[in-house]
Amino acid sequence: MSGNNILLDTNAIIAVLDGHPVAKEIINHNILHISFITELESLSYQNSLVRIDT
């Protein structure tokens, strides 16, 4: 394995999802870890992006 171990927080994950170039570069070359709470928060953010047509 190569790269650094990085613990991502919710803001970092949101930056990646939003296409931030520096955030995308960091995740490509490192070993990533997230906490259970960060995983839940990130999933909540992704679900909030889904548009509901009524």
PDB file of N, CA and C in Angstrom:
ATOM      1  N   MET A   1       0.834  -1.189   0.000  1.00  0.00           N
ATOM      2  CA  MET A   1       0.000   0.000   0.000  1.00  0.00           C
ATOM      3  C   MET A   1       0.876   1.249   0.000  1.00  0.00           C
ATOM      4  N   SER A   2       0.387   2.255  -0.672  1.00  0.00           N
ATOM      5  CA  SER A   2       1.095   3.527  -0.649  1.00  0.00           C
ATOM      6  C   SER A   2       0.109   4.622  -0.293  1.00  0.00           C
ATOM      7  N   GLY A   3       0.634   5.765   0.056  1.00  0.00           N
ATOM      8  CA  GLY A   3      -0.231   6.878   0.432  1.00  0.00           C
ATOM      9  C   GLY A   3      -0.346   6.995   1.931  1.00  0.00           C
ATOM     10  N   ASN A   4      -0.996   8.035   2.363  1.00  0.00           N
ATOM     11  CA  ASN A   4      -1.194   8.303   3.779  1.00  0.00           C
ATOM     12  C   ASN A   4      -2.567   7.829   4.215  1.00  0.00           C
ATOM     13  N   ASN A   5      -2.683   7.487   5.486  1.00  0.00           N
ATOM     14  CA  ASN A   5      -3.986   7.194   6.074  1.00  0.00           C
ATOM     15  C   ASN A   5      -4.642   8.517   6.425  1.00  0.00           C
ATOM     16  N   ILE A   6      -5.847   8.731   5.925  1.00  0.00           N
ATOM     17  CA  ILE A   6      -6.556   9.988   6.171  1.00  0.00           C
ATOM     18  C   ILE A   6      -7.940   9.671   6.706  1.00  0.00           C
ATOM     19  N   LEU A   7      -8.306  10.335   7.797  1.00  0.00           N
ATOM     20  CA  LEU A   7      -9.648  10.232   8.357  1.00  0.00           C
ATOM     21  C   LEU A   7     -10.451  11.412   7.826  1.00  0.00           C
ATOM     22  N   LEU A   8     -11.447  11.120   6.993  1.00  0.00           N
ATOM     23  CA  LEU A   8     -12.267  12.175   6.387  1.00  0.00           C
ATOM     24  C   LEU A   8     -13.411  12.566   7.309  1.00  0.00           C
ATOM     25  N   ASP A   9     -13.717  13.845   7.316  1.00  0.00           N
ATOM     26  CA  ASP A   9     -14.924  14.291   8.004  1.00  0.00           C
ATOM     27  C   ASP A   9     -15.999  14.572   6.953  1.00  0.00           C
ATOM     28  N   THR A  10     -17.179  14.904   7.415  1.00  0.00           N
ATOM     29  CA  THR A  10     -18.312  15.112   6.516  1.00  0.00           C
ATOM     30  C   THR A  10     -18.039  16.225   5.510  1.00  0.00           C
ATOM     31  N   ASN A  11     -17.415  17.305   5.943  1.00  0.00           N
ATOM     32  CA  ASN A  11     -17.140  18.427   5.036  1.00  0.00           C
ATOM     33  C   ASN A  11     -16.222  18.015   3.897  1.00  0.00           C
ATOM     34  N   ALA A  12     -15.240  17.165   4.177  1.00  0.00           N
ATOM     35  CA  ALA A  12     -14.336  16.694   3.130  1.00  0.00           C
ATOM     36  C   ALA A  12     -15.087  15.839   2.113  1.00  0.00           C
ATOM     37  N   ILE A  13     -15.976  14.995   2.592  1.00  0.00           N
ATOM     38  CA  ILE A  13     -16.762  14.147   1.691  1.00  0.00           C
ATOM     39  C   ILE A  13     -17.689  14.997   0.830  1.00  0.00           C
ATOM     40  N   ILE A  14     -18.298  15.994   1.419  1.00  0.00           N
ATOM     41  CA  ILE A  14     -19.174  16.889   0.657  1.00  0.00           C
ATOM     42  C   ILE A  14     -18.366  17.634  -0.404  1.00  0.00           C
ATOM     43  N   ALA A  15     -17.152  18.046  -0.072  1.00  0.00           N
ATOM     44  CA  ALA A  15     -16.299  18.725  -1.053  1.00  0.00           C
ATOM     45  C   ALA A  15     -16.022  17.810  -2.243  1.00  0.00           C
ATOM     46  N   VAL A  16     -15.771  16.529  -1.975  1.00  0.00           N
ATOM     47  CA  VAL A  16     -15.544  15.571  -3.060  1.00  0.00           C
ATOM     48  C   VAL A  16     -16.805  15.423  -3.901  1.00  0.00           C
ATOM     49  N   LEU A  17     -17.951  15.272  -3.237  1.00  0.00           N
ATOM     50  CA  LEU A  17     -19.215  15.119  -3.963  1.00  0.00           C
ATOM     51  C   LEU A  17     -19.535  16.344  -4.803  1.00  0.00           C
ATOM     52  N   ASP A  18     -19.111  17.514  -4.336  1.00  0.00           N
ATOM     53  CA  ASP A  18     -19.346  18.756  -5.070  1.00  0.00           C
ATOM     54  C   ASP A  18     -18.315  18.991  -6.173  1.00  0.00           C
ATOM     55  N   GLY A  19     -17.320  18.095  -6.280  1.00  0.00           N
ATOM     56  CA  GLY A  19     -16.350  18.189  -7.362  1.00  0.00           C
ATOM     57  C   GLY A  19     -15.153  19.080  -7.102  1.00  0.00           C
ATOM     58  N   HIS A  20     -14.864  19.400  -5.851  1.00  0.00           N
ATOM     59  CA  HIS A  20     -13.716  20.245  -5.523  1.00  0.00           C
ATOM     60  C   HIS A  20     -12.430  19.546  -5.988  1.00  0.00           C
ATOM     61  N   PRO A  21     -11.640  20.196  -6.847  1.00  0.00           N
ATOM     62  CA  PRO A  21     -10.483  19.522  -7.449  1.00  0.00           C
ATOM     63  C   PRO A  21      -9.413  19.090  -6.445  1.00  0.00           C
ATOM     64  N   VAL A  22      -9.140  19.892  -5.433  1.00  0.00           N
ATOM     65  CA  VAL A  22      -8.124  19.515  -4.441  1.00  0.00           C
ATOM     66  C   VAL A  22      -8.595  18.320  -3.624  1.00  0.00           C
ATOM     67  N   ALA A  23      -9.863  18.326  -3.234  1.00  0.00           N
ATOM     68  CA  ALA A  23     -10.411  17.201  -2.470  1.00  0.00           C
ATOM     69  C   ALA A  23     -10.364  15.924  -3.298  1.00  0.00           C
ATOM     70  N   LYS A  24     -10.692  16.018  -4.567  1.00  0.00           N
ATOM     71  CA  LYS A  24     -10.650  14.842  -5.443  1.00  0.00           C
ATOM     72  C   LYS A  24      -9.226  14.311  -5.585  1.00  0.00           C
ATOM     73  N   GLU A  25      -8.266  15.194  -5.671  1.00  0.00           N
ATOM     74  CA  GLU A  25      -6.869  14.781  -5.786  1.00  0.00           C
ATOM     75  C   GLU A  25      -6.398  14.068  -4.518  1.00  0.00           C
ATOM     76  N   ILE A  26      -6.798  14.555  -3.373  1.00  0.00           N
ATOM     77  CA  ILE A  26      -6.393  13.942  -2.102  1.00  0.00           C
ATOM     78  C   ILE A  26      -6.932  12.523  -1.988  1.00  0.00           C
ATOM     79  N   ILE A  27      -8.186  12.313  -2.375  1.00  0.00           N
ATOM     80  CA  ILE A  27      -8.745  10.971  -2.205  1.00  0.00           C
ATOM     81  C   ILE A  27      -8.158   9.964  -3.183  1.00  0.00           C
ATOM     82  N   ASN A  28      -7.600  10.431  -4.290  1.00  0.00           N
ATOM     83  CA  ASN A  28      -7.047   9.516  -5.277  1.00  0.00           C
ATOM     84  C   ASN A  28      -5.723   8.897  -4.864  1.00  0.00           C
ATOM     85  N   HIS A  29      -5.009   9.482  -3.938  1.00  0.00           N
ATOM     86  CA  HIS A  29      -3.655   9.024  -3.631  1.00  0.00           C
ATOM     87  C   HIS A  29      -3.453   8.648  -2.172  1.00  0.00           C
ATOM     88  N   ASN A  30      -4.517   8.385  -1.453  1.00  0.00           N
ATOM     89  CA  ASN A  30      -4.396   8.087  -0.035  1.00  0.00           C
ATOM     90  C   ASN A  30      -5.355   6.981   0.391  1.00  0.00           C
ATOM     91  N   ILE A  31      -5.096   6.449   1.554  1.00  0.00           N
ATOM     92  CA  ILE A  31      -5.957   5.433   2.151  1.00  0.00           C
ATOM     93  C   ILE A  31      -6.956   6.174   3.032  1.00  0.00           C
ATOM     94  N   LEU A  32      -8.230   6.014   2.727  1.00  0.00           N
ATOM     95  CA  LEU A  32      -9.262   6.815   3.377  1.00  0.00           C
ATOM     96  C   LEU A  32     -10.022   6.019   4.427  1.00  0.00           C
ATOM     97  N   HIS A  33     -10.393   6.718   5.489  1.00  0.00           N
ATOM     98  CA  HIS A  33     -11.194   6.141   6.558  1.00  0.00           C
ATOM     99  C   HIS A  33     -12.262   7.160   6.939  1.00  0.00           C
ATOM    100  N   ILE A  34     -13.434   6.671   7.323  1.00  0.00           N
ATOM    101  CA  ILE A  34     -14.475   7.559   7.843  1.00  0.00           C
ATOM    102  C   ILE A  34     -15.105   6.890   9.056  1.00  0.00           C
ATOM    103  N   SER A  35     -15.630   7.706   9.945  1.00  0.00           N
ATOM    104  CA  SER A  35     -16.318   7.177  11.115  1.00  0.00           C
ATOM    105  C   SER A  35     -17.754   6.810  10.737  1.00  0.00           C
ATOM    106  N   PHE A  36     -18.381   6.057  11.583  1.00  0.00           N
ATOM    107  CA  PHE A  36     -19.771   5.666  11.361  1.00  0.00           C
ATOM    108  C   PHE A  36     -20.670   6.892  11.286  1.00  0.00           C
ATOM    109  N   ILE A  37     -20.452   7.851  12.169  1.00  0.00           N
ATOM    110  CA  ILE A  37     -21.259   9.076  12.177  1.00  0.00           C
ATOM    111  C   ILE A  37     -21.061   9.848  10.882  1.00  0.00           C
ATOM    112  N   THR A  38     -19.822   9.956  10.409  1.00  0.00           N
ATOM    113  CA  THR A  38     -19.554  10.641   9.145  1.00  0.00           C
ATOM    114  C   THR A  38     -20.247   9.933   7.993  1.00  0.00           C
ATOM    115  N   GLU A  39     -20.253   8.603   8.031  1.00  0.00           N
ATOM    116  CA  GLU A  39     -20.947   7.855   6.986  1.00  0.00           C
ATOM    117  C   GLU A  39     -22.436   8.194   6.973  1.00  0.00           C
ATOM    118  N   LEU A  40     -23.059   8.224   8.144  1.00  0.00           N
ATOM    119  CA  LEU A  40     -24.482   8.559   8.223  1.00  0.00           C
ATOM    120  C   LEU A  40     -24.752   9.985   7.739  1.00  0.00           C
ATOM    121  N   GLU A  41     -23.909  10.921   8.164  1.00  0.00           N
ATOM    122  CA  GLU A  41     -24.095  12.313   7.737  1.00  0.00           C
ATOM    123  C   GLU A  41     -23.935  12.449   6.227  1.00  0.00           C
ATOM    124  N   SER A  42     -22.976  11.741   5.662  1.00  0.00           N
ATOM    125  CA  SER A  42     -22.748  11.809   4.215  1.00  0.00           C
ATOM    126  C   SER A  42     -23.909  11.210   3.441  1.00  0.00           C
ATOM    127  N   LEU A  43     -24.432  10.103   3.915  1.00  0.00           N
ATOM    128  CA  LEU A  43     -25.595   9.504   3.267  1.00  0.00           C
ATOM    129  C   LEU A  43     -26.798  10.433   3.352  1.00  0.00           C
ATOM    130  N   SER A  44     -26.934  11.114   4.470  1.00  0.00           N
ATOM    131  CA  SER A  44     -28.024  12.076   4.635  1.00  0.00           C
ATOM    132  C   SER A  44     -27.873  13.218   3.633  1.00  0.00           C
ATOM    133  N   TYR A  45     -26.654  13.687   3.435  1.00  0.00           N
ATOM    134  CA  TYR A  45     -26.409  14.763   2.466  1.00  0.00           C
ATOM    135  C   TYR A  45     -26.760  14.300   1.059  1.00  0.00           C
ATOM    136  N   GLN A  46     -26.330  13.095   0.694  1.00  0.00           N
ATOM    137  CA  GLN A  46     -26.629  12.574  -0.644  1.00  0.00           C
ATOM    138  C   GLN A  46     -28.128  12.459  -0.853  1.00  0.00           C
ATOM    139  N   ASN A  47     -28.854  12.008   0.160  1.00  0.00           N
ATOM    140  CA  ASN A  47     -30.314  11.876   0.037  1.00  0.00           C
ATOM    141  C   ASN A  47     -30.988  13.238  -0.079  1.00  0.00           C
ATOM    142  N   SER A  48     -30.397  14.265   0.501  1.00  0.00           N
ATOM    143  CA  SER A  48     -30.998  15.589   0.416  1.00  0.00           C
ATOM    144  C   SER A  48     -30.847  16.184  -0.979  1.00  0.00           C
ATOM    145  N   LEU A  49     -29.952  15.613  -1.804  1.00  0.00           N
ATOM    146  CA  LEU A  49     -29.757  16.095  -3.169  1.00  0.00           C
ATOM    147  C   LEU A  49     -30.789  15.521  -4.134  1.00  0.00           C
ATOM    148  N   VAL A  50     -31.476  14.494  -3.725  1.00  0.00           N
ATOM    149  CA  VAL A  50     -32.467  13.859  -4.581  1.00  0.00           C
ATOM    150  C   VAL A  50     -33.680  14.771  -4.664  1.00  0.00           C
ATOM    151  N   ARG A  51     -34.074  15.094  -5.876  1.00  0.00           N
ATOM    152  CA  ARG A  51     -35.219  15.974  -6.091  1.00  0.00           C
ATOM    153  C   ARG A  51     -36.492  15.146  -6.152  1.00  0.00           C
ATOM    154  N   ILE A  52     -37.460  15.560  -5.401  1.00  0.00           N
ATOM    155  CA  ILE A  52     -38.748  14.864  -5.380  1.00  0.00           C
ATOM    156  C   ILE A  52     -39.720  15.651  -6.234  1.00  0.00           C
ATOM    157  N   ASP A  53     -40.181  15.038  -7.324  1.00  0.00           N
ATOM    158  CA  ASP A  53     -41.169  15.680  -8.190  1.00  0.00           C
ATOM    159  C   ASP A  53     -42.571  15.339  -7.680  1.00  0.00           C
ATOM    160  N   THR A  54     -43.385  16.358  -7.486  1.00  0.00           N
ATOM    161  CA  THR A  54     -44.760  16.124  -7.020  1.00  0.00           C
ATOM    162  C   THR A  54     -45.751  16.571  -8.057  1.00  0.00           C
TER     163      THR A  54
END
